[in-house]
Protein backbone atom coordinates (compact mmCIF):
# COMPACT_ATOMS: atom_id res chain seq x y z
CA MET A 1 -31.79 40.84 1.34
CA ALA A 2 -34.38 38.53 2.96
CA GLU A 3 -37.75 37.86 1.59
CA ALA A 4 -40.71 39.83 3.23
CA SER A 5 -44.47 39.33 3.04
CA SER A 6 -45.76 42.12 0.63
CA PRO A 7 -48.95 41.94 -1.71
CA ASN A 8 -46.91 43.82 -4.56
CA TYR A 9 -43.59 41.62 -3.56
CA ASP A 10 -43.85 39.37 -6.77
CA ASP A 11 -43.74 42.44 -8.92
CA LEU A 12 -41.21 44.23 -7.32
CA LYS A 13 -38.97 40.70 -7.70
CA ASN A 14 -40.09 40.71 -11.04
CA HIS A 15 -38.68 44.43 -11.59
CA VAL A 16 -35.42 43.25 -10.36
CA MET A 17 -34.39 40.87 -12.73
CA LYS A 18 -35.85 43.29 -15.88
CA VAL A 19 -33.45 45.87 -14.34
CA PHE A 20 -30.42 43.39 -13.97
CA GLU A 21 -31.52 42.04 -18.20
CA ASP A 22 -31.00 45.67 -18.92
CA ALA A 23 -27.88 45.91 -17.51
CA THR A 24 -26.61 42.84 -18.77
CA LYS A 25 -28.29 42.43 -22.42
CA ASP A 26 -25.34 44.18 -24.23
CA CYS A 27 -22.51 41.05 -22.33
CA GLU A 28 -20.78 40.27 -25.22
CA ASP A 29 -17.86 38.14 -23.65
CA LYS A 30 -19.14 34.39 -23.62
CA GLY A 31 -18.05 33.53 -20.58
CA MET A 32 -19.62 36.61 -18.33
CA LYS A 33 -22.81 35.83 -20.39
CA LYS A 34 -22.75 32.05 -18.99
CA VAL A 35 -22.40 33.39 -15.74
CA PHE A 36 -25.40 35.97 -16.04
CA ASP A 37 -27.34 33.36 -17.71
CA SER A 38 -26.82 30.95 -14.39
CA ILE A 39 -28.81 33.47 -12.58
CA GLY A 40 -31.49 32.99 -14.06
CA ASP A 41 -34.59 34.10 -10.89
CA TYR A 42 -34.55 36.57 -8.48
CA ASP A 43 -33.43 33.96 -5.64
CA SER A 44 -30.16 33.03 -7.22
CA PHE A 45 -29.42 36.62 -8.08
CA ASN A 46 -30.01 37.33 -4.00
CA ASN A 47 -28.08 34.77 -3.32
CA TYR A 48 -24.90 36.54 -5.47
CA ALA A 49 -25.80 39.29 -4.14
CA ILE A 50 -25.19 37.69 -0.81
CA GLU A 51 -21.73 36.23 -1.62
CA MET A 52 -20.73 39.80 -2.82
CA PHE A 53 -22.03 41.36 0.50
CA GLY A 54 -19.73 38.70 2.02
CA ALA A 55 -16.96 39.50 0.12
CA MET A 56 -17.02 43.03 0.66
CA GLU A 57 -16.89 42.86 4.01
CA ASN A 58 -13.89 41.00 4.21
CA LEU A 59 -12.39 43.61 2.41
CA SER A 60 -13.11 45.97 5.05
CA LEU A 61 -15.84 47.52 2.93
CA GLY A 62 -18.82 46.84 5.34
CA ASP A 63 -20.48 49.80 5.41
CA GLU A 64 -20.36 50.93 2.35
CA ALA A 65 -22.19 47.18 1.13
CA ARG A 66 -24.72 47.96 3.65
CA GLU A 67 -25.58 51.14 2.51
CA LEU A 68 -25.85 49.72 -0.97
CA PHE A 69 -28.25 46.74 -0.37
CA LYS A 70 -30.12 48.78 2.51
CA PRO A 71 -33.75 47.91 0.75
CA LEU A 72 -36.50 49.47 -0.35
CA SER A 73 -38.74 50.57 2.19
CA ASP A 74 -39.89 48.07 4.16
CA ARG A 75 -39.60 45.58 1.63
CA ALA A 76 -36.40 43.51 1.44
CA ILE A 77 -35.85 44.30 -2.08
CA LEU A 78 -32.60 45.28 -3.64
CA ARG A 79 -32.32 48.80 -5.05
CA ASP A 80 -31.67 49.24 -8.70
CA VAL A 81 -28.17 50.82 -8.14
CA ALA A 82 -27.40 47.62 -5.75
CA VAL A 83 -28.64 45.54 -9.27
CA TYR A 84 -25.81 47.65 -11.25
CA THR A 85 -23.33 47.26 -8.90
CA VAL A 86 -23.46 43.52 -8.73
CA VAL A 87 -22.81 43.66 -12.70
CA ILE A 88 -19.96 45.63 -12.40
CA ARG A 89 -18.56 43.68 -9.52
CA ALA A 90 -19.09 40.65 -11.35
CA TYR A 91 -17.13 42.31 -14.64
CA ALA A 92 -14.10 43.70 -12.58
CA VAL A 93 -13.64 40.35 -10.84
CA ALA A 94 -13.38 38.78 -14.19
CA GLY A 95 -10.97 41.65 -14.97
CA LYS A 96 -13.21 42.74 -17.65
CA THR A 97 -12.63 46.76 -17.46
CA LYS A 98 -13.84 48.28 -20.46
CA ALA A 99 -17.39 46.13 -19.47
CA VAL A 100 -17.13 47.91 -16.44
CA LEU A 101 -17.05 51.06 -18.11
CA LYS A 102 -19.85 50.09 -20.20
CA ALA A 103 -21.95 49.03 -17.22
CA TYR A 104 -21.34 52.27 -15.37
CA GLN A 105 -21.79 54.51 -18.44
CA HIS A 106 -25.21 52.32 -19.02
CA MET A 107 -26.18 52.90 -15.23
CA ILE A 108 -25.90 56.86 -15.31
CA ALA A 109 -27.76 56.71 -18.57
CA THR A 110 -30.96 55.11 -17.00
CA GLY A 111 -30.77 57.92 -14.48
CA ILE A 112 -29.49 55.63 -11.38
CA ALA A 113 -27.17 57.46 -9.08
CA PRO A 114 -24.27 55.31 -8.02
CA SER A 115 -23.14 54.80 -4.61
CA SER A 116 -20.28 54.73 -2.43
CA LEU A 117 -19.33 51.17 -3.07
CA THR A 118 -20.11 51.63 -6.74
CA TYR A 119 -17.64 54.14 -7.43
CA THR A 120 -15.25 52.58 -5.50
CA ILE A 121 -15.42 48.95 -7.41
CA LEU A 122 -15.23 50.88 -10.22
CA ILE A 123 -12.06 52.66 -9.54
CA MET A 124 -9.98 49.88 -8.33
CA ALA A 125 -10.99 47.82 -11.66
CA LEU A 126 -9.54 50.43 -13.47
CA VAL A 127 -6.21 50.94 -11.20
CA VAL A 128 -5.25 47.21 -11.60
CA ASP A 129 -5.62 47.38 -14.91
CA TYR A 130 -2.27 48.23 -17.10
CA SER A 131 -3.51 47.98 -19.87
CA ASP A 132 -4.72 51.27 -21.12
CA TYR A 133 -3.20 54.79 -19.47
CA ASN A 134 -7.00 56.14 -20.56
CA PHE A 135 -8.20 54.20 -17.34
CA VAL A 136 -6.08 56.25 -15.16
CA GLY A 137 -7.76 59.48 -16.07
CA TYR A 138 -11.43 58.14 -15.88
CA ALA A 139 -9.81 56.65 -11.79
CA LYS A 140 -8.70 60.35 -11.37
CA ASN A 141 -12.17 61.70 -12.51
CA TYR A 142 -14.06 59.41 -10.77
CA ILE A 143 -12.62 59.41 -7.66
CA LEU A 144 -12.87 63.42 -7.90
CA GLU A 145 -16.69 62.77 -8.17
CA MET A 146 -17.16 60.99 -4.89
CA LEU A 147 -15.95 64.41 -3.44
CA ASP A 148 -18.08 66.37 -5.73
CA LYS A 149 -21.00 64.14 -4.19
CA GLY A 150 -20.09 64.48 -0.62
CA MET A 151 -18.54 61.26 -0.34
CA LYS A 152 -15.94 60.35 1.41
CA PRO A 153 -13.60 57.87 -0.38
CA HIS A 154 -12.58 54.48 1.02
CA SER A 155 -8.82 54.74 1.80
CA ILE A 156 -7.97 51.45 -0.81
CA CYS A 157 -9.34 54.36 -3.35
CA TYR A 158 -6.52 56.35 -2.49
CA LEU A 159 -4.25 53.89 -2.51
CA GLY A 160 -5.44 52.60 -5.68
CA VAL A 161 -5.29 55.69 -7.39
CA PHE A 162 -2.18 56.74 -6.29
CA GLY A 163 -0.55 53.30 -6.92
CA VAL A 164 -1.21 53.81 -10.71
CA LEU A 165 -0.11 57.29 -10.32
CA GLY A 166 2.91 56.45 -8.98
CA CYS A 167 3.47 54.06 -12.09
CA TRP A 168 2.53 56.30 -15.05
CA GLU A 169 2.98 59.58 -14.17
CA SER A 170 5.56 61.91 -12.70
CA VAL A 171 5.84 62.44 -8.82
CA GLU A 172 5.16 66.10 -9.55
CA LYS A 173 1.65 65.27 -11.92
CA ALA A 174 1.02 63.13 -9.09
CA THR A 175 1.52 65.85 -6.36
CA GLU A 176 -0.70 68.52 -8.56
CA PHE A 177 -3.38 65.74 -8.35
CA LEU A 178 -3.18 65.11 -4.69
CA VAL A 179 -3.63 69.25 -4.22
CA LEU A 180 -6.48 69.40 -6.63
CA LEU A 181 -8.01 66.15 -4.13
CA LEU A 182 -7.31 67.91 -0.62
CA ILE A 183 -8.97 71.24 -2.42
CA LYS A 184 -12.63 69.04 -3.47
CA ALA A 185 -12.38 67.13 -0.49
CA LYS A 186 -13.32 70.75 1.48
CA GLY A 187 -13.18 68.87 5.25
CA LEU A 188 -13.11 65.34 4.07
CA SER A 189 -9.40 64.27 5.09
CA PRO A 190 -7.99 61.81 2.69
CA GLU A 191 -7.41 58.55 5.00
CA SER A 192 -4.80 55.36 4.34
CA ASN A 193 -3.38 53.15 6.49
CA TYR A 194 -0.52 52.98 3.36
CA PHE A 195 -0.02 56.99 2.65
CA ASN A 196 1.21 59.90 4.53
CA PHE A 197 -0.38 62.85 2.76
CA GLU A 198 2.36 64.89 3.58
CA GLU A 199 4.25 66.46 1.70
CA GLY A 200 7.80 64.89 1.85
CA HIS A 201 6.63 61.60 2.75
CA PHE A 202 3.75 61.20 -0.22
CA LYS A 203 7.05 62.06 -2.69
CA LYS A 204 9.21 59.22 -1.06
CA ALA A 205 6.09 57.08 -1.67
CA MET A 206 5.48 58.23 -4.97
CA LYS A 207 9.09 57.19 -5.79
CA ALA A 208 8.69 53.95 -4.19
CA ILE A 209 5.79 53.28 -6.59
CA LYS A 210 7.54 54.22 -9.28
CA VAL A 211 11.00 51.60 -8.26
CA TYR A 212 8.07 48.98 -8.16
CA ALA A 213 6.96 49.71 -11.67
CA ASN A 214 10.17 49.77 -13.26
CA VAL A 215 11.27 46.37 -10.96
CA SER A 216 7.98 44.50 -12.55
CA ASN A 217 8.20 45.71 -16.25
CA ILE A 218 12.49 44.48 -16.38
CA THR A 219 11.27 41.11 -17.76
CA THR A 220 10.02 39.49 -20.57
CA ASP A 221 9.69 36.20 -19.07
CA LYS A 222 6.60 34.87 -19.11
CA ASP A 223 6.63 33.11 -16.35
CA VAL A 224 8.02 35.65 -14.04
CA GLN A 225 5.36 38.35 -15.76
CA LYS A 226 2.42 35.84 -14.52
CA VAL A 227 3.82 36.86 -10.71
CA PHE A 228 4.05 40.63 -11.31
CA ARG A 229 0.32 40.43 -12.82
CA MET A 230 -0.85 38.55 -9.47
CA TRP A 231 0.92 41.36 -7.63
CA ARG A 232 -0.83 44.30 -9.03
CA THR A 233 -3.87 42.64 -8.71
CA ASN A 234 -3.93 42.91 -4.82
CA SER A 235 -2.06 39.62 -4.73
CA PRO A 236 -0.75 39.36 -0.99
CA GLY A 237 2.65 38.34 -2.24
CA PRO A 238 5.07 41.53 -1.85
CA LYS A 239 3.32 42.05 1.66
CA LYS A 240 3.41 38.29 3.13
CA GLU A 241 7.25 38.79 1.84
CA LEU A 242 7.71 41.68 3.83
CA MET A 243 6.60 40.09 7.19
CA LYS A 244 8.79 36.77 6.13
CA MET A 245 11.86 39.18 5.90
CA ILE A 246 11.07 40.49 9.33
CA ASN A 247 10.46 37.59 11.24
CA ALA A 248 13.48 36.18 9.40
CA LEU A 249 15.85 39.09 9.99
CA VAL A 250 14.27 38.94 14.32
CA LYS A 251 14.30 35.42 14.38
CA ASP A 252 18.12 35.99 12.89
CA GLY A 253 18.60 38.46 15.68
CA ASN A 254 18.77 41.48 12.86
CA LEU A 255 17.01 43.39 14.81
CA ASP A 256 18.26 46.81 13.53
CA GLU A 257 17.67 45.71 9.85
CA SER A 258 14.04 44.87 10.87
CA MET A 259 13.41 48.14 12.50
CA GLU A 260 15.51 49.99 9.53
CA MET A 261 12.20 48.83 7.49
CA TYR A 262 9.72 49.43 9.68
CA ARG A 263 11.04 53.26 9.47
CA ASP A 264 10.97 52.99 5.63
CA ILE A 265 7.51 51.30 5.70
CA ILE A 266 6.25 54.24 7.69
CA GLU A 267 8.23 57.13 5.25
CA THR A 268 6.79 56.11 2.60
CA GLY A 269 3.66 53.69 2.51
CA ARG A 270 4.94 50.73 0.71
CA GLU A 271 7.29 47.81 0.92
CA PRO A 272 10.81 48.68 1.14
CA PHE A 273 12.66 48.49 -2.11
CA VAL A 274 14.87 45.57 -1.28
CA VAL A 275 11.45 43.68 -0.67
CA LEU A 276 10.65 44.35 -4.41
CA HIS A 277 13.81 43.12 -5.80
CA THR A 278 13.59 39.82 -3.09
CA CYS A 279 10.28 38.80 -4.96
CA VAL A 280 11.65 39.64 -8.42
CA ILE A 281 14.97 37.57 -6.80
CA LYS A 282 12.48 34.47 -5.94
CA ALA A 283 10.73 34.48 -8.86
CA TYR A 284 13.17 34.17 -11.22
CA LEU A 285 14.88 31.40 -8.90
CA LYS A 286 11.50 29.37 -8.69
CA SER A 287 11.18 29.26 -12.53
CA GLY A 288 15.45 27.93 -12.43
CA LYS A 289 16.53 31.39 -14.25
CA THR A 290 19.57 31.85 -11.85
CA LYS A 291 21.47 34.69 -14.29
CA SER A 292 18.25 36.40 -14.27
CA ALA A 293 18.12 36.54 -10.32
CA PHE A 294 21.78 37.40 -10.10
CA GLU A 295 21.32 40.63 -12.53
CA VAL A 296 18.53 41.52 -10.68
CA TYR A 297 20.49 41.57 -8.10
CA GLN A 298 23.07 43.54 -9.47
CA GLY A 299 20.94 45.99 -10.88
CA MET A 300 19.76 46.75 -7.48
CA LEU A 301 23.02 47.57 -6.20
CA ALA A 302 23.82 49.63 -9.24
CA ALA A 303 20.36 51.39 -8.01
CA GLY A 304 21.50 52.37 -4.80
CA VAL A 305 19.40 50.07 -2.97
CA SER A 306 21.48 47.99 -0.08
CA PRO A 307 20.98 44.57 0.32
CA ASN A 308 20.02 43.06 3.79
CA SER A 309 20.50 39.81 5.33
CA TYR A 310 17.42 38.09 4.31
CA ILE A 311 18.30 39.07 0.33
CA TYR A 312 21.70 37.56 1.05
CA THR A 313 20.43 34.37 2.40
CA VAL A 314 18.09 34.27 -0.44
CA LEU A 315 20.65 34.70 -3.11
CA ILE A 316 23.40 32.83 -1.78
CA LYS A 317 21.11 29.89 -1.42
CA GLY A 318 19.64 29.87 -4.59
CA LEU A 319 23.49 31.08 -6.43
CA ALA A 320 24.72 27.53 -4.35
CA ALA A 321 22.15 25.38 -6.06
CA ASP A 322 23.32 26.43 -9.76
CA PRO A 323 26.63 24.61 -10.17
CA ASN A 324 27.07 27.72 -12.99
CA PHE A 325 26.71 29.99 -10.34
CA PHE A 326 28.65 28.52 -6.85
CA GLY A 327 31.55 31.23 -7.54
CA GLU A 328 29.32 34.03 -7.28
CA ALA A 329 27.45 32.31 -4.23
CA LYS A 330 31.37 32.54 -2.54
CA LYS A 331 31.63 35.66 -3.49
CA CYS A 332 28.29 37.21 -2.27
CA MET A 333 28.75 35.28 0.83
CA LEU A 334 31.84 37.02 1.86
CA GLU A 335 30.42 40.65 0.20
CA MET A 336 27.68 40.08 2.51
CA MET A 337 30.33 40.11 6.11
CA ASP A 338 32.63 42.58 4.56
CA ARG A 339 29.30 44.59 5.34
CA GLY A 340 29.06 43.22 8.85
CA LYS A 341 26.45 40.87 8.13
CA GLN A 342 26.58 37.37 9.58
CA PRO A 343 25.11 34.62 7.56
CA ASN A 344 22.91 32.61 9.46
CA SER A 345 23.54 28.64 9.83
CA ALA A 346 21.50 27.67 6.46
CA THR A 347 23.31 30.35 4.48
CA TYR A 348 26.75 29.10 5.35
CA THR A 349 25.55 25.66 4.98
CA ALA A 350 24.34 25.70 1.66
CA VAL A 351 27.91 27.25 0.74
CA ILE A 352 30.27 24.50 2.25
CA GLU A 353 27.88 21.34 1.39
CA VAL A 354 28.80 22.19 -2.56
CA PHE A 355 32.00 21.42 -1.76
CA ALA A 356 30.99 18.57 0.34
CA ARG A 357 29.06 17.20 -2.50
CA GLN A 358 31.74 17.00 -5.22
CA GLU A 359 33.12 14.12 -3.67
CA ASP A 360 37.16 15.47 -4.22
CA LYS A 361 39.73 15.53 -2.28
CA ALA A 362 40.52 18.95 -4.30
CA ALA A 363 37.38 20.57 -3.60
CA GLU A 364 37.26 19.37 -0.27
CA GLU A 365 40.43 21.02 0.19
CA GLU A 366 39.18 24.07 -1.26
CA GLY A 367 35.75 24.28 1.14
CA LYS A 368 38.58 24.32 4.05
CA GLU A 369 39.92 27.33 2.39
CA PHE A 370 37.18 28.86 2.14
CA VAL A 371 35.74 27.95 6.05
CA GLU A 372 39.53 29.59 6.62
CA LEU A 373 39.07 32.50 4.92
CA ILE A 374 35.42 33.62 6.68
CA MET A 375 36.88 32.90 9.77
CA GLY A 376 39.84 35.36 9.28
CA LYS A 377 36.98 37.65 8.80
CA GLY A 378 35.61 37.15 12.46
CA PHE A 379 33.04 34.75 11.25
CA MET A 380 32.85 31.45 13.37
CA PRO A 381 30.51 28.20 12.12
CA ASN A 382 28.33 26.61 14.88
CA ALA A 383 28.18 22.64 14.09
CA LYS A 384 25.76 21.90 15.97
CA ALA A 385 23.37 24.13 13.93
CA MET A 386 25.08 22.86 10.87
CA SER A 387 23.85 19.35 12.08
CA GLU A 388 20.51 20.52 12.38
CA VAL A 389 20.12 21.99 8.86
CA LEU A 390 22.08 18.87 7.30
CA LYS A 391 18.99 16.31 9.00
CA GLY A 392 17.89 14.43 6.34
CA ARG A 393 21.19 14.39 3.82
CA PRO A 394 22.57 11.20 3.05
CA THR A 395 25.23 10.48 5.97
CA PRO A 396 28.74 10.82 3.67
CA VAL A 397 27.58 14.44 2.72
CA ILE A 398 27.31 14.98 6.28
CA ARG A 399 30.10 13.51 7.42
CA ARG A 400 32.19 15.77 4.33
CA VAL A 401 30.62 18.54 5.44
CA MET A 402 31.37 18.46 9.29
CA SER A 403 34.71 17.20 8.21
CA ILE A 404 35.14 20.20 6.08
CA VAL A 405 34.32 22.83 9.04
CA LEU A 406 35.94 20.65 12.34
CA SER A 407 39.17 20.73 10.76
CA LYS A 408 39.47 24.14 11.25
CA LEU A 409 37.41 25.00 14.23
CA LYS A 410 39.75 22.57 16.05
CA HIS A 411 43.35 24.74 15.01
């Protein structure tokens, strides 16, 4: 993409800009028009393309980007397909899926053949937009078209296509498409770090995706819907929560639970169901919707998803922070112990602190009874660990908490 000496260099640059003008002439979106108008000359366009190249490198699409931006002969001038792909990607980044399709179809009508990266950007734009079921059909057709042309789709294409199939279609229909895809591949075996394409594992993955979609669609709350939309556009939310959950489980000594999660990931290629429910619960709690968070937890249990120690920690602390749900916080903590799981210091301190903050003798006595109850289940509060959790709290609160706990530890 760097400049090269040639008597026809200015003509070639002018040609690139004419292609760009042709690719964007039908733009109807005011915001996108401003973007395209800001690219007034070849140097500006070239800089925009360089930025795109860096973004593709970060997405592990470096090989595809190098193939797309390979210049014309010895002149470092962008090819026509690169110009159109830059435009298609600009629409995709802005979430203008219909414009993405329109630009792509215009490119095909002018006789320009798409590159592997063109297809990848096109497919990913289609699979992250859930507003129109027709986009699913387009995405399926384009990945098959890639295979017909001898191209090897990148793993994110498989992840994207089967991810959207898991949300929109039955496991049976998704499996039928997998069979068709494998036939078309003709030796180009699908590769993905996320999917195991063996039949048993694949069906588990499809079911996991469907649960993910169902969890994401259970709310009409705008704040929480915003979180779900972020997840569907490649936000690291669930993956970030997964790592946070695993690290917390290991830190608290729950190695068996962390290993169980790893096994689940290997089998399905997706985050375990409990991670998705935890994300939803956290989203509600962050929005102050404690009732909705608790209802998601109840729905999780009804669906047969077993809670682990981490989700109990998140839920109990969230319930304890809401005076209207303190009773449920206590019940969940006892339920946690009945399931053979031990609350960490932050969890049981959050519950006992509620008793202390009431500044009431009756509440303090109730707190002592609760401590006695959990000790009866074989649990022993750690006063030193509680002191660490309580750092920064008002001194009277700390004293009352420790008084509640120590009164029972001394017996």
